[in-house]
Amino acid sequence: MIRSAANRLLTRRQLLAEGAFGVGGIALAWLLSREEARAVPPAVVNLQVHRDLKARPPQFAPRANAVISLFQHGGPSHVDLLDPKPELSKRDGTEYPGEITYSFINRASKRLFGSPWKFAPRGECGTQVSELLPHLSQVVDDICVIRSMHTGANGHEVSIRYFHGGIPGVLGRPTLGAWVVYALGAETDELPAYVVLSDPGGHPVDGASNWSCGFLPAMFQGTVVRAKEPRIFNLDPPAHLRGEVQGRNLALLRDLYDHYLEQHPGEAELEARIASFELAAAMQVRAREALDIQQETEATHRLYGLDNPETREYGTRCLIARRLVERGVRFVQIFHSGQPWDNHHDIRNSLPAICRRTDQPVAALVKDLKQRGLLDTTLVHWGGEIGRLPVVENHGDPAKCGRDHNGQGFSVWLAGGGIRGGITYGETDEFGHRAVVDVVTPNDFQATVLHLLGIDHQRLVFPVNGQPQAITAGRPARILSPILT
């Protein structure tokens, strides 16, 4: 117990929360997790375990040092965006000849639904892209479209957890971002290593499990930045406690801890506790600067579509993502509220609407990273957890039809950070239903991302109940070497 100036006893946790005038609260969960993580099961006592955010070297030479994941919850319709199917269009309205697993059997049909939108070769590479993505078409020479993603499940949550946590449908596992920060630590002492840029409409489907640290210590979970100002709550202390007053109190905490360290040398946890307060104090200045897009030029604002109400919000978050990786943040995720790509109904209007909202900002991010020399070392990911079926999902009015879920074959794309641009990889069948050539699972995706960051997914482990656990949990995973530079 510690006696305060007001002569009341404070517990250590109260001191952590109050002594730094609210700033310490940012680090409290991290500090507590360190204490809980002290005990290592005897069976894995020799396993190297990281319990701090100090920068760590990769296991081998990396091609990327940061990741920006543009996760598109709901399942973008690959046959309408990135995977043209002439046979599907040719046989529009006829019956699909194979077997289909539906999510909504009461609205199901086997009537083939050719894309209402035209595809054309884009860029020097000639990759075919839908007319719904005119801005992405301008950067197609910088991206690799993977057309053979496969989760084997049609549900949202089961596939989301597969993509983020490595096992279909299993809650409570660390996400890819948490594993990256666990492996490499933080590149900067002034900003969180793993940042989540949330949507003003709220959290995506499956909520905080999208950025969970799972069984890893709490310091490795994503730090959520709000979509509206103030983007980080409690960044400032109360007005009467700012400046010199706060500085003196932080100095007092440092003196108290230094005195304790003299009596108990070698306590790494205590040193980490001191560092956490210094990080929180540094964030008061650095985080505000990193999130301030008004420092950007008018031309940059236009590039991201900030002059257009339809693209302004998503464009702002894409621009902030660039500013964050530019300042040393390792992993940034941008999510949508709910699942706007889940086009069960009225796809002729709902799909163009979400494309108009996101296409320009996404392409701008690739352009901006490239012109600043950051694309070579920043891996950009775009894609959802599933795709859509090639048949009609009918709600009565044929003009208002949609497409049901499809986890058997769909598309994502990658750019930068060691990825070969201007190529496609893998294929679905002639209707776009199933991945049939160079099938890619979320575990393959995870192993490849980690490889580009200089990490072997099989050697990245953490002890759980006496057994080492990896993101792929022993499931088959391969590095997608053909798409690498």
Protein backbone atom coordinates (compact mmCIF):
# COMPACT_ATOMS: atom_id res chain seq x y z
CA MET A 1 0.00 0.00 0.00
CA ILE A 2 1.15 3.59 -0.66
CA ARG A 3 0.06 6.62 1.34
CA SER A 4 -0.98 9.61 -0.79
CA ALA A 5 -0.60 13.33 -0.09
CA ALA A 6 -4.23 13.36 1.03
CA ASN A 7 -3.28 10.74 3.64
CA ARG A 8 -5.42 7.98 2.15
CA LEU A 9 -4.08 4.57 1.34
CA LEU A 10 -3.83 3.64 -2.33
CA THR A 11 -3.47 0.15 -3.67
CA ARG A 12 -0.94 -0.36 -6.43
CA ARG A 13 -3.76 -0.69 -8.99
CA GLN A 14 -5.30 2.59 -7.79
CA LEU A 15 -1.94 4.27 -8.10
CA LEU A 16 -1.56 2.95 -11.64
CA ALA A 17 -4.99 4.23 -12.60
CA GLU A 18 -4.86 7.60 -10.82
CA GLY A 19 -1.22 8.49 -10.42
CA ALA A 20 -0.67 9.35 -14.07
CA PHE A 21 -3.95 11.26 -14.32
CA GLY A 22 -5.72 8.75 -16.52
CA VAL A 23 -2.86 8.08 -18.90
CA GLY A 24 -1.78 5.06 -16.86
CA GLY A 25 -5.14 3.44 -17.47
CA ILE A 26 -4.13 2.86 -21.07
CA ALA A 27 -1.41 0.51 -19.89
CA LEU A 28 -3.14 -1.10 -16.90
CA ALA A 29 -4.51 -4.16 -18.70
CA TRP A 30 -1.11 -4.72 -20.23
CA LEU A 31 0.60 -4.53 -16.84
CA LEU A 32 -1.83 -6.95 -15.22
CA SER A 33 -1.38 -9.41 -18.05
CA ARG A 34 2.35 -9.40 -17.43
CA GLU A 35 1.83 -10.43 -13.82
CA GLU A 36 -0.58 -13.21 -14.80
CA ALA A 37 1.83 -14.49 -17.44
CA ARG A 38 4.75 -15.08 -15.06
CA ALA A 39 4.06 -18.77 -14.58
CA VAL A 40 5.24 -20.91 -17.48
CA PRO A 41 4.15 -24.58 -17.48
CA PRO A 42 7.07 -26.90 -16.65
CA ALA A 43 6.69 -28.75 -19.96
CA VAL A 44 7.61 -25.60 -21.89
CA VAL A 45 9.88 -23.89 -19.39
CA ASN A 46 12.67 -23.67 -21.97
CA LEU A 47 10.46 -22.15 -24.66
CA GLN A 48 11.33 -18.52 -25.36
CA VAL A 49 8.28 -16.46 -24.43
CA HIS A 50 7.92 -12.73 -25.10
CA ARG A 51 6.23 -10.60 -22.44
CA ASP A 52 7.16 -7.12 -23.55
CA LEU A 53 6.87 -4.85 -26.58
CA LYS A 54 10.59 -4.38 -27.15
CA ALA A 55 11.53 -4.51 -30.82
CA ARG A 56 12.76 -7.97 -31.80
CA PRO A 57 14.62 -9.00 -34.94
CA PRO A 58 12.76 -11.21 -37.42
CA GLN A 59 13.83 -14.83 -37.76
CA PHE A 60 15.16 -14.16 -41.27
CA ALA A 61 15.43 -11.26 -43.71
CA PRO A 62 11.95 -9.75 -44.18
CA ARG A 63 10.46 -8.19 -47.28
CA ALA A 64 7.86 -6.20 -45.34
CA ASN A 65 7.86 -4.48 -41.96
CA ALA A 66 4.21 -3.43 -41.73
CA VAL A 67 0.76 -4.70 -42.73
CA ILE A 68 -2.45 -2.83 -43.56
CA SER A 69 -5.46 -5.15 -43.69
CA LEU A 70 -8.57 -3.77 -45.38
CA PHE A 71 -11.01 -6.43 -44.22
CA GLN A 72 -14.30 -6.45 -46.13
CA HIS A 73 -16.85 -8.10 -43.84
CA GLY A 74 -19.75 -9.83 -45.52
CA GLY A 75 -18.20 -11.53 -48.52
CA PRO A 76 -17.52 -9.42 -51.64
CA SER A 77 -19.00 -10.98 -54.76
CA HIS A 78 -15.90 -12.16 -56.63
CA VAL A 79 -17.86 -13.08 -59.79
CA ASP A 80 -19.00 -9.45 -60.02
CA LEU A 81 -15.66 -7.83 -59.10
CA LEU A 82 -12.42 -9.76 -59.66
CA ASP A 83 -13.20 -13.16 -61.20
CA PRO A 84 -14.97 -12.86 -64.58
CA LYS A 85 -16.87 -15.94 -65.74
CA PRO A 86 -17.91 -15.84 -69.41
CA GLU A 87 -19.61 -19.23 -69.10
CA LEU A 88 -21.70 -17.95 -66.21
CA SER A 89 -22.85 -15.01 -68.30
CA LYS A 90 -23.46 -17.23 -71.33
CA ARG A 91 -25.69 -19.57 -69.30
CA ASP A 92 -27.44 -16.87 -67.29
CA GLY A 93 -30.92 -18.03 -66.26
CA THR A 94 -30.26 -21.73 -66.81
CA GLU A 95 -29.89 -24.33 -64.06
CA TYR A 96 -26.58 -24.88 -62.32
CA PRO A 97 -25.50 -28.48 -63.06
CA GLY A 98 -23.73 -29.28 -59.78
CA GLU A 99 -24.41 -29.41 -56.05
CA ILE A 100 -24.65 -26.27 -53.94
CA THR A 101 -24.65 -25.70 -50.20
CA TYR A 102 -26.94 -22.80 -49.29
CA SER A 103 -27.07 -20.70 -46.14
CA PHE A 104 -30.70 -19.67 -46.73
CA ILE A 105 -32.55 -22.58 -48.26
CA ASN A 106 -35.92 -20.80 -48.20
CA ARG A 107 -34.61 -18.28 -50.75
CA ALA A 108 -32.38 -20.68 -52.68
CA SER A 109 -32.41 -21.53 -56.35
CA LYS A 110 -30.13 -23.20 -58.87
CA ARG A 111 -30.73 -20.57 -61.51
CA LEU A 112 -27.41 -19.18 -62.72
CA PHE A 113 -26.97 -15.42 -62.35
CA GLY A 114 -24.49 -13.88 -64.77
CA SER A 115 -22.85 -10.68 -63.61
CA PRO A 116 -24.78 -7.52 -64.57
CA TRP A 117 -21.45 -5.67 -64.83
CA LYS A 118 -18.80 -5.74 -67.52
CA PHE A 119 -15.20 -6.85 -67.10
CA ALA A 120 -12.26 -5.62 -69.16
CA PRO A 121 -8.46 -6.02 -69.15
CA ARG A 122 -6.86 -3.30 -67.00
CA GLY A 123 -3.34 -1.94 -66.75
CA GLU A 124 -0.31 -3.22 -68.59
CA CYS A 125 -0.79 -6.66 -67.04
CA GLY A 126 -4.27 -7.07 -68.54
CA THR A 127 -5.89 -8.42 -65.38
CA GLN A 128 -9.66 -8.37 -65.86
CA VAL A 129 -11.46 -6.17 -63.33
CA SER A 130 -15.12 -5.17 -63.10
CA GLU A 131 -16.41 -1.77 -64.11
CA LEU A 132 -17.52 -1.42 -60.46
CA LEU A 133 -13.85 -0.87 -59.50
CA PRO A 134 -12.56 1.87 -61.81
CA HIS A 135 -10.01 3.17 -59.30
CA LEU A 136 -8.61 -0.24 -58.42
CA SER A 137 -8.20 -0.76 -62.17
CA GLN A 138 -5.63 2.07 -62.09
CA VAL A 139 -3.37 0.19 -59.67
CA VAL A 140 -3.93 -3.35 -60.93
CA ASP A 141 -0.29 -3.57 -62.05
CA ASP A 142 0.68 -3.32 -58.37
CA ILE A 143 -1.63 -6.01 -56.98
CA CYS A 144 -1.87 -9.78 -57.01
CA VAL A 145 -5.44 -11.10 -57.23
CA ILE A 146 -5.85 -14.50 -55.55
CA ARG A 147 -8.90 -16.10 -57.18
CA SER A 148 -8.83 -19.42 -55.33
CA MET A 149 -9.47 -18.64 -51.65
CA HIS A 150 -11.27 -21.44 -49.83
CA THR A 151 -12.56 -21.73 -46.26
CA GLY A 152 -14.82 -24.73 -46.86
CA ALA A 153 -17.57 -23.06 -44.83
CA ASN A 154 -20.27 -20.60 -45.88
CA GLY A 155 -20.86 -18.91 -42.50
CA HIS A 156 -19.51 -15.50 -41.61
CA GLU A 157 -18.19 -16.09 -38.10
CA VAL A 158 -16.67 -19.49 -38.81
CA SER A 159 -14.71 -18.07 -41.76
CA ILE A 160 -13.81 -14.79 -40.04
CA ARG A 161 -12.25 -16.74 -37.16
CA TYR A 162 -10.41 -18.92 -39.65
CA PHE A 163 -8.89 -15.86 -41.33
CA HIS A 164 -7.97 -14.09 -38.11
CA GLY A 165 -7.29 -16.90 -35.65
CA GLY A 166 -6.22 -19.87 -37.77
CA ILE A 167 -8.97 -22.40 -36.95
CA PRO A 168 -12.51 -22.28 -38.42
CA GLY A 169 -15.12 -21.14 -35.94
CA VAL A 170 -12.95 -21.24 -32.80
CA LEU A 171 -13.18 -18.23 -30.48
CA GLY A 172 -10.46 -17.14 -28.07
CA ARG A 173 -7.45 -17.46 -30.35
CA PRO A 174 -4.94 -14.69 -31.06
CA THR A 175 -5.46 -12.87 -34.33
CA LEU A 176 -2.79 -12.48 -36.99
CA GLY A 177 -2.05 -8.92 -35.86
CA ALA A 178 -1.49 -10.08 -32.28
CA TRP A 179 0.90 -12.80 -33.46
CA VAL A 180 2.87 -10.28 -35.56
CA VAL A 181 3.36 -7.93 -32.60
CA TYR A 182 4.17 -10.85 -30.31
CA ALA A 183 6.89 -11.93 -32.74
CA LEU A 184 8.39 -8.55 -33.59
CA GLY A 185 7.43 -6.20 -30.75
CA ALA A 186 6.93 -2.49 -31.35
CA GLU A 187 8.96 -0.46 -33.81
CA THR A 188 8.17 2.79 -32.00
CA ASP A 189 7.85 3.67 -28.32
CA GLU A 190 5.35 6.44 -29.08
CA LEU A 191 2.45 4.61 -30.76
CA PRO A 192 0.69 1.25 -30.31
CA ALA A 193 2.14 -1.51 -32.44
CA TYR A 194 -1.28 -2.88 -33.48
CA VAL A 195 -4.05 -0.40 -34.34
CA VAL A 196 -7.68 -0.99 -35.31
CA LEU A 197 -9.49 1.80 -37.17
CA SER A 198 -13.16 1.33 -36.39
CA ASP A 199 -16.25 2.34 -38.35
CA PRO A 200 -18.51 5.16 -37.08
CA GLY A 201 -21.45 2.79 -37.42
CA GLY A 202 -20.01 0.39 -34.86
CA HIS A 203 -18.06 -2.85 -34.72
CA PRO A 204 -17.93 -5.47 -37.49
CA VAL A 205 -19.54 -8.89 -37.24
CA ASP A 206 -17.84 -10.91 -34.47
CA GLY A 207 -16.85 -7.71 -32.66
CA ALA A 208 -13.64 -7.51 -30.68
CA SER A 209 -12.64 -11.08 -31.54
CA ASN A 210 -11.44 -9.60 -34.87
CA TRP A 211 -8.47 -8.06 -33.02
CA SER A 212 -8.22 -10.28 -29.93
CA CYS A 213 -4.94 -11.33 -28.32
CA GLY A 214 -6.54 -14.65 -27.32
CA PHE A 215 -4.21 -16.58 -25.03
CA LEU A 216 -1.32 -14.15 -25.64
CA PRO A 217 -0.72 -11.44 -22.99
CA ALA A 218 -3.12 -8.50 -23.28
CA MET A 219 -0.41 -6.12 -24.50
CA PHE A 220 -0.59 -7.77 -27.92
CA GLN A 221 -4.27 -7.08 -28.68
CA GLY A 222 -5.31 -4.39 -31.13
CA THR A 223 -5.75 -0.83 -29.88
CA VAL A 224 -9.05 0.53 -31.18
CA VAL A 225 -9.03 4.08 -32.54
CA ARG A 226 -12.45 5.66 -32.80
CA ALA A 227 -13.83 6.82 -36.14
CA LYS A 228 -14.84 10.20 -34.68
CA GLU A 229 -13.06 12.82 -32.63
CA PRO A 230 -11.75 12.33 -30.05
CA ARG A 231 -10.27 9.28 -31.75
CA ILE A 232 -8.64 8.20 -28.48
CA PHE A 233 -10.49 8.83 -25.23
CA ASN A 234 -8.63 10.22 -22.19
CA LEU A 235 -5.61 11.16 -24.26
CA ASP A 236 -5.32 14.38 -22.28
CA PRO A 237 -5.26 14.73 -18.49
CA PRO A 238 -7.68 17.24 -16.91
CA ALA A 239 -6.78 20.85 -17.74
CA HIS A 240 -5.59 21.67 -14.21
CA LEU A 241 -3.21 18.68 -14.22
CA ARG A 242 -1.50 19.21 -17.56
CA GLY A 243 2.04 20.25 -18.34
CA GLU A 244 4.44 20.70 -15.45
CA VAL A 245 2.09 19.18 -12.87
CA GLN A 246 1.74 15.95 -14.81
CA GLY A 247 5.46 15.91 -15.51
CA ARG A 248 6.26 16.18 -11.80
CA ASN A 249 3.90 13.33 -10.95
CA LEU A 250 5.30 11.09 -13.65
CA ALA A 251 8.77 11.92 -12.35
CA LEU A 252 7.60 10.99 -8.85
CA LEU A 253 6.38 7.62 -10.10
CA ARG A 254 9.74 7.10 -11.79
CA ASP A 255 11.55 7.94 -8.53
CA LEU A 256 9.35 5.53 -6.55
CA TYR A 257 9.95 2.73 -8.99
CA ASP A 258 13.69 3.46 -9.21
CA HIS A 259 13.89 3.29 -5.41
CA TYR A 260 12.08 -0.04 -5.46
CA LEU A 261 14.40 -1.33 -8.19
CA GLU A 262 17.42 -0.54 -6.01
CA GLN A 263 15.98 -2.83 -3.36
CA HIS A 264 14.83 -5.50 -5.83
CA PRO A 265 17.34 -5.54 -8.73
CA GLY A 266 16.56 -7.47 -11.88
CA GLU A 267 12.76 -7.17 -11.84
CA ALA A 268 11.99 -6.96 -15.56
CA GLU A 269 8.28 -6.49 -14.92
CA LEU A 270 8.93 -3.30 -13.02
CA GLU A 271 11.11 -1.89 -15.78
CA ALA A 272 8.33 -2.69 -18.25
CA ARG A 273 5.83 -0.95 -15.99
CA ILE A 274 7.92 2.21 -16.04
CA ALA A 275 8.24 2.00 -19.83
CA SER A 276 4.47 1.70 -20.17
CA PHE A 277 3.93 5.04 -18.42
CA GLU A 278 6.49 6.66 -20.67
CA LEU A 279 4.67 5.22 -23.73
CA ALA A 280 1.34 6.56 -22.50
CA ALA A 281 2.84 10.00 -21.92
CA ALA A 282 4.48 9.98 -25.35
CA MET A 283 1.16 9.09 -26.97
CA GLN A 284 -0.34 12.35 -25.73
CA VAL A 285 1.74 14.14 -28.34
CA ARG A 286 2.58 11.55 -30.94
CA ALA A 287 -0.85 9.93 -31.34
CA ARG A 288 -2.53 13.27 -31.84
CA GLU A 289 -0.01 14.19 -34.52
CA ALA A 290 -0.32 10.82 -36.28
CA LEU A 291 -4.12 11.07 -36.43
CA ASP A 292 -4.16 14.69 -37.65
CA ILE A 293 -4.90 14.44 -41.37
CA GLN A 294 -5.12 18.24 -41.64
CA GLN A 295 -1.35 18.17 -42.01
CA GLU A 296 -1.82 16.51 -45.39
CA THR A 297 -1.99 18.49 -48.62
CA GLU A 298 -5.21 19.29 -50.41
CA ALA A 299 -4.08 17.06 -53.28
CA THR A 300 -3.72 14.12 -50.87
CA HIS A 301 -7.21 14.78 -49.49
CA ARG A 302 -8.60 14.69 -53.03
CA LEU A 303 -6.65 11.52 -53.83
CA TYR A 304 -8.38 9.66 -50.98
CA GLY A 305 -11.79 11.16 -51.81
CA LEU A 306 -12.07 13.35 -48.73
CA ASP A 307 -13.80 15.98 -50.88
CA ASN A 308 -16.65 13.55 -51.60
CA PRO A 309 -19.22 12.74 -48.87
CA GLU A 310 -19.52 9.18 -50.19
CA THR A 311 -15.80 8.36 -49.81
CA ARG A 312 -14.76 10.80 -47.08
CA GLU A 313 -15.11 8.53 -44.06
CA TYR A 314 -13.41 5.43 -45.46
CA GLY A 315 -10.84 7.61 -47.21
CA THR A 316 -9.97 9.27 -43.91
CA ARG A 317 -9.24 5.93 -42.29
CA CYS A 318 -7.15 4.76 -45.24
CA LEU A 319 -5.13 7.96 -45.01
CA ILE A 320 -4.67 7.52 -41.26
CA ALA A 321 -3.47 3.96 -41.89
CA ARG A 322 -0.74 5.30 -44.17
CA ARG A 323 0.25 7.88 -41.56
CA LEU A 324 0.46 5.19 -38.89
CA VAL A 325 2.71 2.78 -40.79
CA GLU A 326 4.81 5.76 -41.82
CA ARG A 327 5.41 6.36 -38.10
CA GLY A 328 6.27 2.80 -37.17
CA VAL A 329 2.97 1.03 -36.45
CA ARG A 330 3.37 -2.62 -37.45
CA PHE A 331 -0.19 -3.79 -38.05
CA VAL A 332 -3.25 -1.71 -38.98
CA GLN A 333 -6.75 -3.08 -39.60
CA ILE A 334 -9.66 -1.17 -41.10
CA PHE A 335 -13.10 -2.67 -40.52
CA HIS A 336 -16.66 -1.91 -41.60
CA SER A 337 -19.67 -1.73 -39.34
CA GLY A 338 -21.63 -4.95 -39.64
CA GLN A 339 -21.09 -6.60 -43.02
CA PRO A 340 -21.89 -4.29 -45.94
CA TRP A 341 -20.70 -6.80 -48.56
CA ASP A 342 -23.35 -9.33 -47.52
CA ASN A 343 -25.47 -8.76 -50.63
CA HIS A 344 -28.33 -11.21 -50.17
CA HIS A 345 -30.84 -8.68 -51.45
CA ASP A 346 -30.88 -6.05 -54.19
CA ILE A 347 -27.29 -6.67 -55.25
CA ARG A 348 -27.74 -4.46 -58.30
CA ASN A 349 -27.87 -1.47 -55.95
CA SER A 350 -26.14 -2.62 -52.75
CA LEU A 351 -22.93 -3.85 -54.39
CA PRO A 352 -22.29 -0.66 -56.42
CA ALA A 353 -22.98 1.37 -53.26
CA ILE A 354 -20.24 -0.27 -51.16
CA CYS A 355 -17.87 -0.16 -54.15
CA ARG A 356 -18.42 3.59 -54.53
CA ARG A 357 -17.68 4.05 -50.84
CA THR A 358 -14.41 2.10 -50.82
CA ASP A 359 -12.90 1.82 -54.30
CA GLN A 360 -11.24 5.23 -54.52
CA PRO A 361 -9.80 5.25 -50.96
CA VAL A 362 -8.38 1.73 -51.35
CA ALA A 363 -6.69 2.54 -54.66
CA ALA A 364 -5.45 5.83 -53.21
CA LEU A 365 -3.75 3.97 -50.38
CA VAL A 366 -1.79 1.82 -52.84
CA LYS A 367 -0.89 4.87 -54.95
CA ASP A 368 0.13 6.94 -51.95
CA LEU A 369 2.28 4.22 -50.40
CA LYS A 370 4.00 3.69 -53.73
CA GLN A 371 4.76 7.34 -54.42
CA ARG A 372 6.22 7.70 -50.90
CA GLY A 373 8.42 4.64 -51.27
CA LEU A 374 6.48 2.74 -48.61
CA LEU A 375 4.78 0.08 -50.74
CA ASP A 376 7.93 -2.02 -51.00
CA THR A 377 7.91 -2.56 -47.23
CA THR A 378 4.17 -2.37 -46.49
CA LEU A 379 1.94 -5.35 -47.24
CA VAL A 380 -1.63 -4.34 -48.14
CA HIS A 381 -4.43 -6.91 -47.94
CA TRP A 382 -7.99 -6.52 -49.26
CA GLY A 383 -10.71 -9.14 -48.99
CA GLY A 384 -13.52 -10.66 -46.99
CA GLU A 385 -14.12 -13.94 -45.24
CA ILE A 386 -16.20 -15.55 -48.06
CA GLY A 387 -17.53 -14.82 -51.54
CA ARG A 388 -20.95 -15.20 -53.18
CA LEU A 389 -22.67 -18.00 -55.07
CA PRO A 390 -23.11 -17.87 -58.86
CA VAL A 391 -26.86 -18.52 -58.56
CA VAL A 392 -29.83 -16.30 -57.75
CA GLU A 393 -31.00 -15.74 -54.21
CA ASN A 394 -34.53 -14.50 -54.77
CA HIS A 395 -36.65 -12.44 -52.40
CA GLY A 396 -39.73 -12.31 -54.65
CA ASP A 397 -39.00 -9.46 -57.05
CA PRO A 398 -36.40 -10.73 -59.58
CA ALA A 399 -35.04 -7.20 -59.90
CA LYS A 400 -34.19 -7.25 -56.16
CA CYS A 401 -32.37 -10.57 -56.08
CA GLY A 402 -29.01 -11.17 -54.45
CA ARG A 403 -26.36 -13.84 -53.94
CA ASP A 404 -25.98 -16.25 -51.02
CA HIS A 405 -22.72 -17.08 -49.16
CA ASN A 406 -19.88 -19.01 -50.79
CA GLY A 407 -16.82 -20.19 -48.89
CA GLN A 408 -15.83 -22.73 -51.54
CA GLY A 409 -14.08 -20.26 -53.82
CA PHE A 410 -13.60 -16.47 -53.81
CA SER A 411 -11.07 -13.67 -54.35
CA VAL A 412 -8.80 -11.44 -52.29
CA TRP A 413 -5.85 -9.32 -53.31
CA LEU A 414 -2.43 -8.39 -51.92
CA ALA A 415 -0.01 -5.60 -52.82
CA GLY A 416 3.47 -4.45 -51.79
CA GLY A 417 5.78 -5.95 -49.22
CA GLY A 418 7.30 -8.62 -51.45
CA ILE A 419 4.20 -9.42 -53.53
CA ARG A 420 4.45 -9.68 -57.31
CA GLY A 421 2.19 -7.07 -58.85
CA GLY A 422 0.12 -7.44 -62.01
CA ILE A 423 -0.66 -11.14 -61.64
CA THR A 424 -3.53 -13.44 -60.76
CA TYR A 425 -3.15 -16.66 -58.82
CA GLY A 426 -5.45 -19.66 -58.70
CA GLU A 427 -8.78 -20.32 -60.37
CA THR A 428 -12.37 -21.16 -59.58
CA ASP A 429 -14.48 -23.40 -61.82
CA GLU A 430 -16.25 -22.09 -64.92
CA PHE A 431 -19.11 -20.71 -62.80
CA GLY A 432 -17.02 -19.24 -59.98
CA HIS A 433 -18.36 -21.63 -57.37
CA ARG A 434 -15.40 -23.71 -56.23
CA ALA A 435 -11.64 -23.11 -56.11
CA VAL A 436 -10.12 -25.74 -58.40
CA VAL A 437 -6.56 -24.60 -59.21
CA ASP A 438 -3.94 -23.64 -56.60
CA VAL A 439 -6.45 -23.62 -53.76
CA VAL A 440 -5.50 -21.17 -50.97
CA THR A 441 -6.69 -21.49 -47.37
CA PRO A 442 -6.56 -18.82 -44.65
CA ASN A 443 -3.70 -20.80 -43.10
CA ASP A 444 -1.75 -20.43 -46.36
CA PHE A 445 -2.52 -16.72 -46.27
CA GLN A 446 -1.30 -16.41 -42.66
CA ALA A 447 1.88 -18.38 -43.31
CA THR A 448 2.65 -16.20 -46.33
CA VAL A 449 2.07 -12.91 -44.49
CA LEU A 450 4.32 -14.02 -41.64
CA HIS A 451 6.96 -15.21 -44.12
CA LEU A 452 7.02 -11.77 -45.74
CA LEU A 453 7.62 -10.27 -42.29
CA GLY A 454 10.55 -12.60 -41.71
CA ILE A 455 8.69 -15.07 -39.48
CA ASP A 456 8.36 -18.84 -39.80
CA HIS A 457 4.79 -19.66 -38.77
CA GLN A 458 5.89 -23.04 -37.41
CA ARG A 459 8.50 -21.47 -35.13
CA LEU A 460 6.19 -18.74 -33.85
CA VAL A 461 4.64 -20.42 -30.80
CA PHE A 462 3.27 -19.69 -27.33
CA PRO A 463 2.72 -22.16 -24.46
CA VAL A 464 -0.90 -23.05 -23.68
CA ASN A 465 -1.62 -25.72 -21.06
CA GLY A 466 1.88 -27.02 -21.42
CA GLN A 467 1.84 -27.24 -25.21
CA PRO A 468 3.25 -24.79 -27.80
CA GLN A 469 0.54 -23.24 -29.95
CA ALA A 470 1.02 -21.59 -33.36
CA ILE A 471 -1.44 -19.52 -35.40
CA THR A 472 -2.04 -22.46 -37.74
CA ALA A 473 -2.35 -24.86 -34.76
CA GLY A 474 -0.59 -27.63 -36.64
CA ARG A 475 -2.90 -27.39 -39.65
CA PRO A 476 -1.33 -27.69 -43.14
CA ALA A 477 -0.06 -24.36 -44.43
CA ARG A 478 2.20 -23.39 -47.29
CA ILE A 479 4.03 -20.28 -48.39
CA LEU A 480 2.56 -18.95 -51.65
CA SER A 481 5.96 -18.68 -53.32
CA PRO A 482 4.65 -18.06 -56.88
CA ILE A 483 3.16 -14.72 -55.84
CA LEU A 484 6.34 -13.47 -54.16
CA THR A 485 9.01 -11.31 -55.78
